[in-house]
Amino acid sequence: MKKLLFLFVTIFTSFSLSASHFAGAEIGYEYISTNANGSHDYKVRLQIYRDISGIPLDLNQSLCISSSCFGQQTVALTFLPVLPQNGGNARQALPVPGLSDCVDANDPDLVTIEIYYFEATVTLQGNCPNWKFSWHGNARNINNIDNLTFTGNSDLYVETLLNNTIGQNTSPTFVNPAAKSFCVGSPFTWSQAATEPDGDSLRYSFGHPLNAPFGAVCTTPTLATFAAGYSVLQPMTTVSGITID
């Protein structure tokens, strides 16, 4: 039993330069091995999506691991540079593939979203029904988000859960990048297909966006507030609504 939580990315066309401009994030984990003392090693991966108009991303990111059985621990993540598909030198991040599929890539209003990759190998002390891997970062571009409203701090927060009392597990992984650029008046199918290495069944649902206070790595999130006309089941404006197939 596990849940990979994912925040949809909303793209806008004008920005201030006061924050990292996080657009979304994903957390996944991979079971590696069980040790003689009953602990378990997992590899945890974090993908951060941000628009390049924000301040440079701090590459020193940390993950919170918590459970009711073993308390909390903070783990430093290792930043992973990427190699362009067409070769060349390693870079901190690459633009999201397919972001401009339906628009002019040279349009000055197109916002470029980049993906940053981090990972860490962590040790879980044993089995517990509610392991939680979480991350939050400062901050969203709150002045130009249409579907949420903010008061005070607005760190982007994501988490994923693991119940390893019923067996060790590897989370599903999304096949397609999260960021999309939509064209007004054109139908769009947003494919969030995923691979499931354990052969488990997958179920999709909309999740409520979460905020976190600036500060400690391990923190308690709060529900983000939707602006008028938006909700968990209607996170963006469409002609005929949004359905999950």
C-alpha atoms as a PDB file:
ATOM      1  CA  MET A   1       0.000   0.000   0.000  1.00  0.00           C
ATOM      2  CA  LYS A   2       1.472   3.293  -0.982  1.00  0.00           C
ATOM      3  CA  LYS A   3       0.497   6.647  -2.328  1.00  0.00           C
ATOM      4  CA  LEU A   4       2.507   8.902  -4.596  1.00  0.00           C
ATOM      5  CA  LEU A   5       1.175  12.385  -4.093  1.00  0.00           C
ATOM      6  CA  PHE A   6       1.581  14.889  -6.876  1.00  0.00           C
ATOM      7  CA  LEU A   7       0.742  18.572  -7.218  1.00  0.00           C
ATOM      8  CA  PHE A   8      -0.503  19.705 -10.606  1.00  0.00           C
ATOM      9  CA  VAL A   9       1.562  22.480 -12.134  1.00  0.00           C
ATOM     10  CA  THR A  10      -0.160  25.711 -13.102  1.00  0.00           C
ATOM     11  CA  ILE A  11       1.747  27.937 -15.536  1.00  0.00           C
ATOM     12  CA  PHE A  12       1.444  31.732 -15.640  1.00  0.00           C
ATOM     13  CA  THR A  13       2.970  34.471 -17.717  1.00  0.00           C
ATOM     14  CA  SER A  14       4.336  37.175 -15.391  1.00  0.00           C
ATOM     15  CA  PHE A  15       6.440  36.889 -12.283  1.00  0.00           C
ATOM     16  CA  SER A  16       8.279  38.700  -9.534  1.00  0.00           C
ATOM     17  CA  LEU A  17      11.821  37.667  -8.577  1.00  0.00           C
ATOM     18  CA  SER A  18      11.358  37.229  -4.839  1.00  0.00           C
ATOM     19  CA  ALA A  19      11.193  33.442  -4.589  1.00  0.00           C
ATOM     20  CA  SER A  20      12.360  30.183  -6.114  1.00  0.00           C
ATOM     21  CA  HIS A  21       9.070  29.965  -8.053  1.00  0.00           C
ATOM     22  CA  PHE A  22       8.380  26.329  -7.331  1.00  0.00           C
ATOM     23  CA  ALA A  23       5.713  24.965  -9.672  1.00  0.00           C
ATOM     24  CA  GLY A  24       5.460  21.433  -8.302  1.00  0.00           C
ATOM     25  CA  ALA A  25       7.363  18.424  -7.036  1.00  0.00           C
ATOM     26  CA  GLU A  26       7.284  14.628  -6.952  1.00  0.00           C
ATOM     27  CA  ILE A  27       8.638  12.165  -4.378  1.00  0.00           C
ATOM     28  CA  GLY A  28       9.170   8.476  -5.092  1.00  0.00           C
ATOM     29  CA  TYR A  29      10.999   5.647  -3.364  1.00  0.00           C
ATOM     30  CA  GLU A  30      12.655   2.355  -4.327  1.00  0.00           C
ATOM     31  CA  TYR A  31      13.145  -0.602  -2.003  1.00  0.00           C
ATOM     32  CA  ILE A  32      16.780  -1.760  -2.001  1.00  0.00           C
ATOM     33  CA  SER A  33      17.337  -4.388   0.702  1.00  0.00           C
ATOM     34  CA  THR A  34      16.605  -5.571   4.240  1.00  0.00           C
ATOM     35  CA  ASN A  35      19.447  -5.657   6.756  1.00  0.00           C
ATOM     36  CA  ALA A  36      20.281  -8.297   9.361  1.00  0.00           C
ATOM     37  CA  ASN A  37      18.985  -6.065  12.171  1.00  0.00           C
ATOM     38  CA  GLY A  38      15.533  -5.777  10.566  1.00  0.00           C
ATOM     39  CA  SER A  39      16.021  -2.287   9.106  1.00  0.00           C
ATOM     40  CA  HIS A  40      15.371  -1.547   5.438  1.00  0.00           C
ATOM     41  CA  ASP A  41      17.292   0.515   2.913  1.00  0.00           C
ATOM     42  CA  TYR A  42      15.374   2.647   0.428  1.00  0.00           C
ATOM     43  CA  LYS A  43      16.392   5.078  -2.271  1.00  0.00           C
ATOM     44  CA  VAL A  44      14.222   8.196  -2.209  1.00  0.00           C
ATOM     45  CA  ARG A  45      14.042  10.524  -5.212  1.00  0.00           C
ATOM     46  CA  LEU A  46      12.804  14.113  -5.354  1.00  0.00           C
ATOM     47  CA  GLN A  47      11.999  16.029  -8.535  1.00  0.00           C
ATOM     48  CA  ILE A  48      11.478  19.779  -8.218  1.00  0.00           C
ATOM     49  CA  TYR A  49       9.785  21.817 -10.948  1.00  0.00           C
ATOM     50  CA  ARG A  50      10.449  25.570 -11.030  1.00  0.00           C
ATOM     51  CA  ASP A  51      10.175  28.370 -13.551  1.00  0.00           C
ATOM     52  CA  ILE A  52      13.475  29.954 -14.467  1.00  0.00           C
ATOM     53  CA  SER A  53      12.322  33.504 -13.689  1.00  0.00           C
ATOM     54  CA  GLY A  54      12.755  32.829  -9.953  1.00  0.00           C
ATOM     55  CA  ILE A  55      15.907  33.211  -7.918  1.00  0.00           C
ATOM     56  CA  PRO A  56      18.534  30.434  -8.342  1.00  0.00           C
ATOM     57  CA  LEU A  57      17.541  27.177  -6.697  1.00  0.00           C
ATOM     58  CA  ASP A  58      19.340  26.235  -3.493  1.00  0.00           C
ATOM     59  CA  LEU A  59      20.882  22.841  -4.263  1.00  0.00           C
ATOM     60  CA  ASN A  60      21.090  21.958  -0.571  1.00  0.00           C
ATOM     61  CA  GLN A  61      17.742  20.247  -0.081  1.00  0.00           C
ATOM     62  CA  SER A  62      16.646  17.948   2.740  1.00  0.00           C
ATOM     63  CA  LEU A  63      13.989  15.290   3.214  1.00  0.00           C
ATOM     64  CA  CYS A  64      11.919  14.538   6.298  1.00  0.00           C
ATOM     65  CA  ILE A  65      11.211  10.898   7.181  1.00  0.00           C
ATOM     66  CA  SER A  66       8.629  10.340   9.893  1.00  0.00           C
ATOM     67  CA  SER A  67       6.386   7.640  11.366  1.00  0.00           C
ATOM     68  CA  SER A  68       4.417   6.916  14.523  1.00  0.00           C
ATOM     69  CA  CYS A  69       6.730   3.967  15.217  1.00  0.00           C
ATOM     70  CA  PHE A  70      10.172   5.560  15.001  1.00  0.00           C
ATOM     71  CA  GLY A  71       9.773   9.346  15.174  1.00  0.00           C
ATOM     72  CA  GLN A  72      11.439  11.737  12.739  1.00  0.00           C
ATOM     73  CA  GLN A  73      14.751  12.024  10.944  1.00  0.00           C
ATOM     74  CA  THR A  74      16.138  14.594   8.522  1.00  0.00           C
ATOM     75  CA  VAL A  75      18.185  13.415   5.550  1.00  0.00           C
ATOM     76  CA  ALA A  76      20.320  15.566   3.253  1.00  0.00           C
ATOM     77  CA  LEU A  77      19.558  14.976  -0.421  1.00  0.00           C
ATOM     78  CA  THR A  78      22.230  14.639  -3.097  1.00  0.00           C
ATOM     79  CA  PHE A  79      21.765  16.886  -6.114  1.00  0.00           C
ATOM     80  CA  LEU A  80      21.980  15.048  -9.458  1.00  0.00           C
ATOM     81  CA  PRO A  81      23.160  17.060 -12.492  1.00  0.00           C
ATOM     82  CA  VAL A  82      21.690  15.943 -15.803  1.00  0.00           C
ATOM     83  CA  LEU A  83      23.125  15.320 -19.259  1.00  0.00           C
ATOM     84  CA  PRO A  84      21.217  16.745 -22.245  1.00  0.00           C
ATOM     85  CA  GLN A  85      19.778  14.027 -24.482  1.00  0.00           C
ATOM     86  CA  ASN A  86      21.702  15.414 -27.448  1.00  0.00           C
ATOM     87  CA  GLY A  87      24.983  15.330 -25.540  1.00  0.00           C
ATOM     88  CA  GLY A  88      27.061  18.114 -24.079  1.00  0.00           C
ATOM     89  CA  ASN A  89      28.125  19.055 -20.611  1.00  0.00           C
ATOM     90  CA  ALA A  90      26.159  18.202 -17.482  1.00  0.00           C
ATOM     91  CA  ARG A  91      23.737  20.919 -16.361  1.00  0.00           C
ATOM     92  CA  GLN A  92      21.905  21.662 -13.155  1.00  0.00           C
ATOM     93  CA  ALA A  93      18.551  21.175 -14.842  1.00  0.00           C
ATOM     94  CA  LEU A  94      16.877  20.809 -18.215  1.00  0.00           C
ATOM     95  CA  PRO A  95      13.661  22.355 -19.562  1.00  0.00           C
ATOM     96  CA  VAL A  96      10.640  20.092 -19.213  1.00  0.00           C
ATOM     97  CA  PRO A  97      10.333  17.962 -22.377  1.00  0.00           C
ATOM     98  CA  GLY A  98       7.239  18.698 -24.456  1.00  0.00           C
ATOM     99  CA  LEU A  99       6.363  21.872 -22.556  1.00  0.00           C
ATOM    100  CA  SER A 100       5.890  23.846 -25.762  1.00  0.00           C
ATOM    101  CA  ASP A 101       4.371  21.101 -27.931  1.00  0.00           C
ATOM    102  CA  CYS A 102       1.277  23.132 -28.806  1.00  0.00           C
ATOM    103  CA  VAL A 103       2.752  26.637 -28.693  1.00  0.00           C
ATOM    104  CA  ASP A 104       5.547  28.629 -30.271  1.00  0.00           C
ATOM    105  CA  ALA A 105       8.686  27.832 -28.286  1.00  0.00           C
ATOM    106  CA  ASN A 106       9.934  31.361 -29.023  1.00  0.00           C
ATOM    107  CA  ASP A 107       6.810  33.087 -27.695  1.00  0.00           C
ATOM    108  CA  PRO A 108       7.963  35.629 -25.068  1.00  0.00           C
ATOM    109  CA  ASP A 109       4.972  34.710 -22.884  1.00  0.00           C
ATOM    110  CA  LEU A 110       5.995  31.051 -22.657  1.00  0.00           C
ATOM    111  CA  VAL A 111       7.342  30.273 -19.197  1.00  0.00           C
ATOM    112  CA  THR A 112      10.191  27.785 -19.148  1.00  0.00           C
ATOM    113  CA  ILE A 113       9.897  25.146 -16.435  1.00  0.00           C
ATOM    114  CA  GLU A 114      12.981  23.193 -15.415  1.00  0.00           C
ATOM    115  CA  ILE A 115      13.329  19.895 -13.533  1.00  0.00           C
ATOM    116  CA  TYR A 116      15.887  19.397 -10.771  1.00  0.00           C
ATOM    117  CA  TYR A 117      16.716  15.914  -9.474  1.00  0.00           C
ATOM    118  CA  PHE A 118      17.754  14.876  -5.970  1.00  0.00           C
ATOM    119  CA  GLU A 119      18.090  11.527  -4.204  1.00  0.00           C
ATOM    120  CA  ALA A 120      19.231   9.887  -0.979  1.00  0.00           C
ATOM    121  CA  THR A 121      19.627   6.349   0.297  1.00  0.00           C
ATOM    122  CA  VAL A 122      17.862   6.121   3.653  1.00  0.00           C
ATOM    123  CA  THR A 123      17.478   3.458   6.310  1.00  0.00           C
ATOM    124  CA  LEU A 124      14.064   2.767   7.831  1.00  0.00           C
ATOM    125  CA  GLN A 125      14.486   1.281  11.300  1.00  0.00           C
ATOM    126  CA  GLY A 126      11.782  -1.330  10.769  1.00  0.00           C
ATOM    127  CA  ASN A 127       8.184  -1.818   9.650  1.00  0.00           C
ATOM    128  CA  CYS A 128       5.463   0.751  10.256  1.00  0.00           C
ATOM    129  CA  PRO A 129       2.049   1.404   8.671  1.00  0.00           C
ATOM    130  CA  ASN A 130       2.569   5.133   8.192  1.00  0.00           C
ATOM    131  CA  TRP A 131       6.049   5.990   6.969  1.00  0.00           C
ATOM    132  CA  LYS A 132       6.022   9.458   5.429  1.00  0.00           C
ATOM    133  CA  PHE A 133       8.626  11.022   3.139  1.00  0.00           C
ATOM    134  CA  SER A 134       8.070  14.773   2.852  1.00  0.00           C
ATOM    135  CA  TRP A 135       9.713  17.896   1.447  1.00  0.00           C
ATOM    136  CA  HIS A 136       8.826  21.565   1.396  1.00  0.00           C
ATOM    137  CA  GLY A 137      10.527  24.545  -0.191  1.00  0.00           C
ATOM    138  CA  ASN A 138      10.237  28.290  -0.335  1.00  0.00           C
ATOM    139  CA  ALA A 139       8.321  29.304  -2.262  1.00  0.00           C
ATOM    140  CA  ARG A 140       5.481  29.426  -4.732  1.00  0.00           C
ATOM    141  CA  ASN A 141       4.973  32.516  -6.862  1.00  0.00           C
ATOM    142  CA  ILE A 142       1.918  33.552  -4.859  1.00  0.00           C
ATOM    143  CA  ASN A 143       1.252  36.821  -6.689  1.00  0.00           C
ATOM    144  CA  ASN A 144       0.450  35.070  -9.967  1.00  0.00           C
ATOM    145  CA  ILE A 145      -1.440  31.932  -8.994  1.00  0.00           C
ATOM    146  CA  ASP A 146      -5.084  32.031 -10.067  1.00  0.00           C
ATOM    147  CA  ASN A 147      -6.553  29.001  -8.302  1.00  0.00           C
ATOM    148  CA  LEU A 148      -5.131  29.378  -4.771  1.00  0.00           C
ATOM    149  CA  THR A 149      -5.041  32.203  -2.247  1.00  0.00           C
ATOM    150  CA  PHE A 150      -2.350  32.695   0.381  1.00  0.00           C
ATOM    151  CA  THR A 151      -1.847  34.479   3.670  1.00  0.00           C
ATOM    152  CA  GLY A 152       1.590  34.506   5.230  1.00  0.00           C
ATOM    153  CA  ASN A 153       4.180  31.942   4.225  1.00  0.00           C
ATOM    154  CA  SER A 154       3.488  29.676   1.267  1.00  0.00           C
ATOM    155  CA  ASP A 155       6.108  26.938   1.072  1.00  0.00           C
ATOM    156  CA  LEU A 156       5.251  24.232  -1.455  1.00  0.00           C
ATOM    157  CA  TYR A 157       4.799  20.916   0.386  1.00  0.00           C
ATOM    158  CA  VAL A 158       4.631  17.352  -0.963  1.00  0.00           C
ATOM    159  CA  GLU A 159       4.664  13.960   0.722  1.00  0.00           C
ATOM    160  CA  THR A 160       4.407  10.282  -0.119  1.00  0.00           C
ATOM    161  CA  LEU A 161       3.413   7.410   2.183  1.00  0.00           C
ATOM    162  CA  LEU A 162       4.582   3.840   2.716  1.00  0.00           C
ATOM    163  CA  ASN A 163       3.043   0.986   4.720  1.00  0.00           C
ATOM    164  CA  ASN A 164       5.743  -1.681   4.874  1.00  0.00           C
ATOM    165  CA  THR A 165       3.989  -3.852   7.460  1.00  0.00           C
ATOM    166  CA  ILE A 166       2.467  -5.690   4.483  1.00  0.00           C
ATOM    167  CA  GLY A 167       5.755  -5.975   2.619  1.00  0.00           C
ATOM    168  CA  GLN A 168       8.531  -3.765   1.309  1.00  0.00           C
ATOM    169  CA  ASN A 169       7.527  -1.776  -1.736  1.00  0.00           C
ATOM    170  CA  THR A 170       8.618   0.532  -4.523  1.00  0.00           C
ATOM    171  CA  SER A 171       6.430   3.479  -5.444  1.00  0.00           C
ATOM    172  CA  PRO A 172       5.008   4.029  -8.931  1.00  0.00           C
ATOM    173  CA  THR A 173       6.812   6.491 -11.182  1.00  0.00           C
ATOM    174  CA  PHE A 174       5.137   8.957 -13.528  1.00  0.00           C
ATOM    175  CA  VAL A 175       6.142   8.448 -17.157  1.00  0.00           C
ATOM    176  CA  ASN A 176       5.554  12.027 -18.318  1.00  0.00           C
ATOM    177  CA  PRO A 177       6.847  15.259 -16.760  1.00  0.00           C
ATOM    178  CA  ALA A 178       4.354  17.220 -14.697  1.00  0.00           C
ATOM    179  CA  ALA A 179       4.534  20.671 -16.302  1.00  0.00           C
ATOM    180  CA  LYS A 180       2.269  21.410 -19.258  1.00  0.00           C
ATOM    181  CA  SER A 181       1.512  24.451 -21.370  1.00  0.00           C
ATOM    182  CA  PHE A 182      -2.090  24.600 -22.588  1.00  0.00           C
ATOM    183  CA  CYS A 183      -3.429  26.234 -25.740  1.00  0.00           C
ATOM    184  CA  VAL A 184      -6.687  28.151 -25.383  1.00  0.00           C
ATOM    185  CA  GLY A 185      -9.531  26.594 -27.371  1.00  0.00           C
ATOM    186  CA  SER A 186      -7.773  23.273 -28.004  1.00  0.00           C
ATOM    187  CA  PRO A 187      -8.798  20.003 -26.301  1.00  0.00           C
ATOM    188  CA  PHE A 188      -6.020  18.549 -24.178  1.00  0.00           C
ATOM    189  CA  THR A 189      -5.458  15.114 -22.666  1.00  0.00           C
ATOM    190  CA  TRP A 190      -3.077  15.263 -19.715  1.00  0.00           C
ATOM    191  CA  SER A 191      -1.417  11.855 -19.554  1.00  0.00           C
ATOM    192  CA  GLN A 192      -0.091  10.972 -16.103  1.00  0.00           C
ATOM    193  CA  ALA A 193       0.694   7.368 -16.929  1.00  0.00           C
ATOM    194  CA  ALA A 194       2.907   5.608 -14.416  1.00  0.00           C
ATOM    195  CA  THR A 195       5.013   2.478 -14.178  1.00  0.00           C
ATOM    196  CA  GLU A 196       4.492   0.119 -11.207  1.00  0.00           C
ATOM    197  CA  PRO A 197       7.528  -2.154 -10.692  1.00  0.00           C
ATOM    198  CA  ASP A 198       5.814  -4.313  -8.063  1.00  0.00           C
ATOM    199  CA  GLY A 199       2.836  -5.050 -10.294  1.00  0.00           C
ATOM    200  CA  ASP A 200       0.368  -3.411  -7.900  1.00  0.00           C
ATOM    201  CA  SER A 201      -2.823  -1.810  -9.161  1.00  0.00           C
ATOM    202  CA  LEU A 202      -2.900   1.976  -9.511  1.00  0.00           C
ATOM    203  CA  ARG A 203      -5.698   4.349  -8.564  1.00  0.00           C
ATOM    204  CA  TYR A 204      -5.727   8.057  -9.348  1.00  0.00           C
ATOM    205  CA  SER A 205      -7.477  10.848  -7.478  1.00  0.00           C
ATOM    206  CA  PHE A 206      -7.159  14.601  -7.088  1.00  0.00           C
ATOM    207  CA  GLY A 207      -5.342  15.707  -3.936  1.00  0.00           C
ATOM    208  CA  HIS A 208      -5.646  18.908  -1.944  1.00  0.00           C
ATOM    209  CA  PRO A 209      -2.591  21.203  -2.382  1.00  0.00           C
ATOM    210  CA  LEU A 210      -0.604  21.635   0.831  1.00  0.00           C
ATOM    211  CA  ASN A 211       1.343  24.525   2.332  1.00  0.00           C
ATOM    212  CA  ALA A 212       4.089  24.415   4.948  1.00  0.00           C
ATOM    213  CA  PRO A 213       5.561  27.068   7.236  1.00  0.00           C
ATOM    214  CA  PHE A 214       9.059  28.256   6.456  1.00  0.00           C
ATOM    215  CA  GLY A 215      11.691  26.730   8.715  1.00  0.00           C
ATOM    216  CA  ALA A 216      12.260  23.201   9.989  1.00  0.00           C
ATOM    217  CA  VAL A 217      12.544  20.362   7.470  1.00  0.00           C
ATOM    218  CA  CYS A 218      10.028  18.257   9.426  1.00  0.00           C
ATOM    219  CA  THR A 219       6.808  20.212   9.775  1.00  0.00           C
ATOM    220  CA  THR A 220       3.034  19.880   9.805  1.00  0.00           C
ATOM    221  CA  PRO A 221       1.403  20.971   6.533  1.00  0.00           C
ATOM    222  CA  THR A 222      -1.848  22.878   6.167  1.00  0.00           C
ATOM    223  CA  LEU A 223      -4.464  22.763   3.416  1.00  0.00           C
ATOM    224  CA  ALA A 224      -4.056  25.461   0.802  1.00  0.00           C
ATOM    225  CA  THR A 225      -7.093  27.692   0.268  1.00  0.00           C
ATOM    226  CA  PHE A 226      -8.770  27.600  -3.128  1.00  0.00           C
ATOM    227  CA  ALA A 227      -9.799  30.837  -4.776  1.00  0.00           C
ATOM    228  CA  ALA A 228     -13.476  31.321  -5.641  1.00  0.00           C
ATOM    229  CA  GLY A 229     -14.547  29.014  -8.466  1.00  0.00           C
ATOM    230  CA  TYR A 230     -11.819  26.424  -7.862  1.00  0.00           C
ATOM    231  CA  SER A 231     -11.779  23.237  -5.804  1.00  0.00           C
ATOM    232  CA  VAL A 232     -10.031  19.891  -5.428  1.00  0.00           C
ATOM    233  CA  LEU A 233     -12.162  18.468  -8.251  1.00  0.00           C
ATOM    234  CA  GLN A 234     -11.930  21.640 -10.360  1.00  0.00           C
ATOM    235  CA  PRO A 235      -8.341  22.868  -9.949  1.00  0.00           C
ATOM    236  CA  MET A 236      -8.304  24.783 -13.237  1.00  0.00           C
ATOM    237  CA  THR A 237     -10.741  26.504 -15.571  1.00  0.00           C
ATOM    238  CA  THR A 238     -12.052  24.300 -18.397  1.00  0.00           C
ATOM    239  CA  VAL A 239     -14.930  24.346 -20.857  1.00  0.00           C
ATOM    240  CA  SER A 240     -16.487  21.051 -19.807  1.00  0.00           C
ATOM    241  CA  GLY A 241     -14.810  20.077 -16.536  1.00  0.00           C
ATOM    242  CA  ILE A 242     -12.013  17.643 -15.697  1.00  0.00           C
ATOM    243  CA  THR A 243     -12.341  13.875 -15.523  1.00  0.00           C
ATOM    244  CA  ILE A 244      -9.921  11.093 -14.639  1.00  0.00           C
ATOM    245  CA  ASP A 245      -9.958   8.184 -17.064  1.00  0.00           C
END
